[in-house]
Amino acid sequence: MTITRIARGKLIFAAQTGDAAAIGHLLTVCQSDGRRNARRHCQARDPDDAVQESLMVISRKVHGLQAAAAISSWLFTVIKCECRQLERELTIAEIAERLGEQPGAIKSRLHRARELVREYMVGPQAVAKSPKGAKEQATASATSLKR
């Protein structure tokens, strides 16, 4: 942060009490550190999206911050979460492009992976009792992923 610890503490307290100007100033102060952190940790196309989403989270939840000194750690944690969230939102086409595969192959792999996760979560006994063919699909998926 670019302000003194005492000033930062007062700013955070004012933001926690609902002072709109203080919230705006706090977000401005956090923005440069947030951008730097997002560029380092975010694989998304636009780390500024992660920063924007993170600052929105900070503005909504600043009242719950218990220690002013924790603002930087909290900001960086929120940014990491937002970066991961942005990565999860890739479309089938984007995944296929990144991996150099056809979209159909990506859909098939995702389907097999979901079946394996389902088998892991509910156990092989539940898969055996599930509709006809699910057990065979899960077995085929496990075999193909081992290759």
C-alpha atoms as a PDB file:
ATOM      1  CA  MET A   1       0.000   0.000   0.000  1.00  0.00           C
ATOM      2  CA  THR A   2       1.194   3.515  -0.705  1.00  0.00           C
ATOM      3  CA  ILE A   3      -0.080   5.198   2.485  1.00  0.00           C
ATOM      4  CA  THR A   4       1.207   5.017   6.068  1.00  0.00           C
ATOM      5  CA  ARG A   5      -0.003   2.289   8.369  1.00  0.00           C
ATOM      6  CA  ILE A   6      -1.886   4.757  10.592  1.00  0.00           C
ATOM      7  CA  ALA A   7      -3.569   6.437   7.634  1.00  0.00           C
ATOM      8  CA  ARG A   8      -4.411   3.039   6.186  1.00  0.00           C
ATOM      9  CA  GLY A   9      -5.981   1.957   9.471  1.00  0.00           C
ATOM     10  CA  LYS A  10      -8.118   5.111   9.613  1.00  0.00           C
ATOM     11  CA  LEU A  11      -9.108   4.656   5.971  1.00  0.00           C
ATOM     12  CA  ILE A  12     -10.125   1.041   6.542  1.00  0.00           C
ATOM     13  CA  PHE A  13     -12.110   1.995   9.657  1.00  0.00           C
ATOM     14  CA  ALA A  14     -13.930   4.712   7.729  1.00  0.00           C
ATOM     15  CA  ALA A  15     -14.642   2.268   4.890  1.00  0.00           C
ATOM     16  CA  GLN A  16     -15.955  -0.286   7.374  1.00  0.00           C
ATOM     17  CA  THR A  17     -18.414   2.250   8.750  1.00  0.00           C
ATOM     18  CA  GLY A  18     -19.840   2.810   5.277  1.00  0.00           C
ATOM     19  CA  ASP A  19     -18.055   6.020   4.235  1.00  0.00           C
ATOM     20  CA  ALA A  20     -18.385   5.879   0.433  1.00  0.00           C
ATOM     21  CA  ALA A  21     -15.445   8.248  -0.135  1.00  0.00           C
ATOM     22  CA  ALA A  22     -13.232   6.102   2.102  1.00  0.00           C
ATOM     23  CA  ILE A  23     -14.252   2.939   0.248  1.00  0.00           C
ATOM     24  CA  GLY A  24     -13.429   4.621  -3.058  1.00  0.00           C
ATOM     25  CA  HIS A  25     -10.046   5.804  -1.778  1.00  0.00           C
ATOM     26  CA  LEU A  26      -9.271   2.373  -0.309  1.00  0.00           C
ATOM     27  CA  LEU A  27     -10.039   0.697  -3.632  1.00  0.00           C
ATOM     28  CA  THR A  28      -7.812   3.213  -5.436  1.00  0.00           C
ATOM     29  CA  VAL A  29      -4.972   2.478  -3.017  1.00  0.00           C
ATOM     30  CA  CYS A  30      -5.445  -1.290  -3.414  1.00  0.00           C
ATOM     31  CA  GLN A  31      -5.699  -1.201  -7.211  1.00  0.00           C
ATOM     32  CA  SER A  32      -1.986  -0.906  -8.082  1.00  0.00           C
ATOM     33  CA  ASP A  33      -0.953  -3.675  -5.686  1.00  0.00           C
ATOM     34  CA  GLY A  34      -3.832  -5.761  -6.983  1.00  0.00           C
ATOM     35  CA  ARG A  35      -2.792  -5.330 -10.611  1.00  0.00           C
ATOM     36  CA  ARG A  36       0.795  -6.269  -9.852  1.00  0.00           C
ATOM     37  CA  ASN A  37      -0.335  -9.370  -7.997  1.00  0.00           C
ATOM     38  CA  ALA A  38      -2.851 -10.364 -10.667  1.00  0.00           C
ATOM     39  CA  ARG A  39      -0.256 -10.125 -13.440  1.00  0.00           C
ATOM     40  CA  ARG A  40       1.960 -12.467 -11.449  1.00  0.00           C
ATOM     41  CA  HIS A  41      -0.681 -15.042 -10.508  1.00  0.00           C
ATOM     42  CA  CYS A  42      -3.388 -14.832 -13.129  1.00  0.00           C
ATOM     43  CA  GLN A  43      -3.207 -16.878 -16.308  1.00  0.00           C
ATOM     44  CA  ALA A  44      -6.413 -15.310 -17.587  1.00  0.00           C
ATOM     45  CA  ARG A  45      -6.308 -13.193 -20.713  1.00  0.00           C
ATOM     46  CA  ASP A  46      -7.034 -10.024 -18.802  1.00  0.00           C
ATOM     47  CA  PRO A  47      -5.766  -9.809 -15.204  1.00  0.00           C
ATOM     48  CA  ASP A  48      -7.617  -6.500 -14.886  1.00  0.00           C
ATOM     49  CA  ASP A  49     -10.866  -8.497 -14.833  1.00  0.00           C
ATOM     50  CA  ALA A  50      -9.605 -10.355 -11.760  1.00  0.00           C
ATOM     51  CA  VAL A  51      -8.610  -7.066 -10.128  1.00  0.00           C
ATOM     52  CA  GLN A  52     -12.005  -5.509 -10.830  1.00  0.00           C
ATOM     53  CA  GLU A  53     -13.870  -8.498  -9.415  1.00  0.00           C
ATOM     54  CA  SER A  54     -11.549  -8.554  -6.391  1.00  0.00           C
ATOM     55  CA  LEU A  55     -12.094  -4.887  -5.657  1.00  0.00           C
ATOM     56  CA  MET A  56     -15.841  -5.434  -5.817  1.00  0.00           C
ATOM     57  CA  VAL A  57     -15.491  -8.223  -3.238  1.00  0.00           C
ATOM     58  CA  ILE A  58     -13.336  -5.971  -1.044  1.00  0.00           C
ATOM     59  CA  SER A  59     -15.869  -3.140  -1.230  1.00  0.00           C
ATOM     60  CA  ARG A  60     -18.752  -5.437  -0.273  1.00  0.00           C
ATOM     61  CA  LYS A  61     -16.962  -7.241   2.554  1.00  0.00           C
ATOM     62  CA  VAL A  62     -14.601  -4.631   4.021  1.00  0.00           C
ATOM     63  CA  HIS A  63     -16.844  -4.336   7.074  1.00  0.00           C
ATOM     64  CA  GLY A  64     -15.817  -7.894   8.068  1.00  0.00           C
ATOM     65  CA  LEU A  65     -12.078  -7.198   8.042  1.00  0.00           C
ATOM     66  CA  GLN A  66     -10.881  -7.593  11.623  1.00  0.00           C
ATOM     67  CA  ALA A  67      -7.307  -6.313  11.366  1.00  0.00           C
ATOM     68  CA  ALA A  68      -6.285  -3.383   9.172  1.00  0.00           C
ATOM     69  CA  ALA A  69      -2.841  -4.897   8.743  1.00  0.00           C
ATOM     70  CA  ALA A  70      -4.426  -7.903   7.012  1.00  0.00           C
ATOM     71  CA  ILE A  71      -5.799  -5.901   4.065  1.00  0.00           C
ATOM     72  CA  SER A  72      -2.868  -6.721   1.762  1.00  0.00           C
ATOM     73  CA  SER A  73      -3.013 -10.443   2.512  1.00  0.00           C
ATOM     74  CA  TRP A  74      -6.758 -10.436   2.092  1.00  0.00           C
ATOM     75  CA  LEU A  75      -6.520  -8.565  -1.212  1.00  0.00           C
ATOM     76  CA  PHE A  76      -3.959 -11.022  -2.576  1.00  0.00           C
ATOM     77  CA  THR A  77      -6.033 -14.008  -1.460  1.00  0.00           C
ATOM     78  CA  VAL A  78      -9.152 -12.608  -3.118  1.00  0.00           C
ATOM     79  CA  ILE A  79      -7.196 -11.926  -6.320  1.00  0.00           C
ATOM     80  CA  LYS A  80      -5.856 -15.488  -6.412  1.00  0.00           C
ATOM     81  CA  CYS A  81      -9.395 -16.821  -6.012  1.00  0.00           C
ATOM     82  CA  GLU A  82     -10.701 -14.550  -8.756  1.00  0.00           C
ATOM     83  CA  CYS A  83      -7.870 -15.597 -11.080  1.00  0.00           C
ATOM     84  CA  ARG A  84      -8.753 -19.248 -10.507  1.00  0.00           C
ATOM     85  CA  GLN A  85     -12.404 -18.461 -11.103  1.00  0.00           C
ATOM     86  CA  LEU A  86     -11.627 -16.769 -14.408  1.00  0.00           C
ATOM     87  CA  GLU A  87      -9.604 -19.782 -15.490  1.00  0.00           C
ATOM     88  CA  ARG A  88     -12.567 -22.058 -14.713  1.00  0.00           C
ATOM     89  CA  GLU A  89     -14.768 -20.126 -17.103  1.00  0.00           C
ATOM     90  CA  LEU A  90     -12.960 -21.262 -20.271  1.00  0.00           C
ATOM     91  CA  THR A  91     -15.261 -22.510 -22.999  1.00  0.00           C
ATOM     92  CA  ILE A  92     -14.813 -25.837 -24.782  1.00  0.00           C
ATOM     93  CA  ALA A  93     -13.458 -23.965 -27.816  1.00  0.00           C
ATOM     94  CA  GLU A  94     -10.928 -22.062 -25.699  1.00  0.00           C
ATOM     95  CA  ILE A  95      -9.730 -25.245 -24.003  1.00  0.00           C
ATOM     96  CA  ALA A  96      -9.427 -26.965 -27.378  1.00  0.00           C
ATOM     97  CA  GLU A  97      -7.441 -24.052 -28.771  1.00  0.00           C
ATOM     98  CA  ARG A  98      -5.055 -23.971 -25.814  1.00  0.00           C
ATOM     99  CA  LEU A  99      -4.457 -27.717 -25.983  1.00  0.00           C
ATOM    100  CA  GLY A 100      -4.362 -27.917 -29.761  1.00  0.00           C
ATOM    101  CA  GLU A 101      -7.199 -30.450 -29.840  1.00  0.00           C
ATOM    102  CA  GLN A 102     -10.605 -30.693 -31.485  1.00  0.00           C
ATOM    103  CA  PRO A 103     -13.624 -29.512 -29.427  1.00  0.00           C
ATOM    104  CA  GLY A 104     -15.179 -32.993 -29.687  1.00  0.00           C
ATOM    105  CA  ALA A 105     -12.122 -34.543 -28.065  1.00  0.00           C
ATOM    106  CA  ILE A 106     -12.318 -32.031 -25.211  1.00  0.00           C
ATOM    107  CA  LYS A 107     -16.024 -32.787 -24.654  1.00  0.00           C
ATOM    108  CA  SER A 108     -15.262 -36.496 -24.566  1.00  0.00           C
ATOM    109  CA  ARG A 109     -12.419 -36.075 -22.088  1.00  0.00           C
ATOM    110  CA  LEU A 110     -14.535 -33.869 -19.837  1.00  0.00           C
ATOM    111  CA  HIS A 111     -17.332 -36.433 -19.910  1.00  0.00           C
ATOM    112  CA  ARG A 112     -14.929 -39.231 -18.972  1.00  0.00           C
ATOM    113  CA  ALA A 113     -13.407 -37.119 -16.221  1.00  0.00           C
ATOM    114  CA  ARG A 114     -16.843 -36.368 -14.768  1.00  0.00           C
ATOM    115  CA  GLU A 115     -17.680 -40.070 -14.769  1.00  0.00           C
ATOM    116  CA  LEU A 116     -14.456 -40.834 -12.907  1.00  0.00           C
ATOM    117  CA  VAL A 117     -15.163 -38.119 -10.359  1.00  0.00           C
ATOM    118  CA  ARG A 118     -18.698 -39.464  -9.957  1.00  0.00           C
ATOM    119  CA  GLU A 119     -17.365 -42.968  -9.383  1.00  0.00           C
ATOM    120  CA  TYR A 120     -14.853 -41.636  -6.871  1.00  0.00           C
ATOM    121  CA  MET A 121     -17.454 -39.582  -5.013  1.00  0.00           C
ATOM    122  CA  VAL A 122     -20.248 -42.154  -4.808  1.00  0.00           C
ATOM    123  CA  GLY A 123     -18.136 -45.297  -4.939  1.00  0.00           C
ATOM    124  CA  PRO A 124     -17.940 -48.105  -7.458  1.00  0.00           C
ATOM    125  CA  GLN A 125     -20.959 -49.870  -5.890  1.00  0.00           C
ATOM    126  CA  ALA A 126     -23.264 -46.974  -6.780  1.00  0.00           C
ATOM    127  CA  VAL A 127     -21.939 -46.882 -10.334  1.00  0.00           C
ATOM    128  CA  ALA A 128     -22.659 -50.612 -10.663  1.00  0.00           C
ATOM    129  CA  LYS A 129     -26.290 -49.967  -9.593  1.00  0.00           C
ATOM    130  CA  SER A 130     -26.679 -46.961 -11.905  1.00  0.00           C
ATOM    131  CA  PRO A 131     -28.383 -47.133 -15.313  1.00  0.00           C
ATOM    132  CA  LYS A 132     -27.063 -49.681 -17.769  1.00  0.00           C
ATOM    133  CA  GLY A 133     -23.840 -48.636 -19.454  1.00  0.00           C
ATOM    134  CA  ALA A 134     -22.559 -46.215 -16.794  1.00  0.00           C
ATOM    135  CA  LYS A 135     -20.257 -48.838 -15.293  1.00  0.00           C
ATOM    136  CA  GLU A 136     -18.848 -49.694 -18.705  1.00  0.00           C
ATOM    137  CA  GLN A 137     -18.278 -46.003 -19.460  1.00  0.00           C
ATOM    138  CA  ALA A 138     -16.475 -45.428 -16.166  1.00  0.00           C
ATOM    139  CA  THR A 139     -14.265 -48.482 -16.752  1.00  0.00           C
ATOM    140  CA  ALA A 140     -13.464 -47.386 -20.306  1.00  0.00           C
ATOM    141  CA  SER A 141     -12.677 -43.888 -19.074  1.00  0.00           C
ATOM    142  CA  ALA A 142     -10.310 -45.172 -16.421  1.00  0.00           C
ATOM    143  CA  THR A 143      -8.573 -47.368 -18.985  1.00  0.00           C
ATOM    144  CA  SER A 144      -8.171 -44.549 -21.536  1.00  0.00           C
ATOM    145  CA  LEU A 145      -6.847 -42.096 -18.949  1.00  0.00           C
ATOM    146  CA  LYS A 146      -4.165 -44.561 -17.849  1.00  0.00           C
ATOM    147  CA  ARG A 147      -2.678 -44.541 -21.347  1.00  0.00           C
END
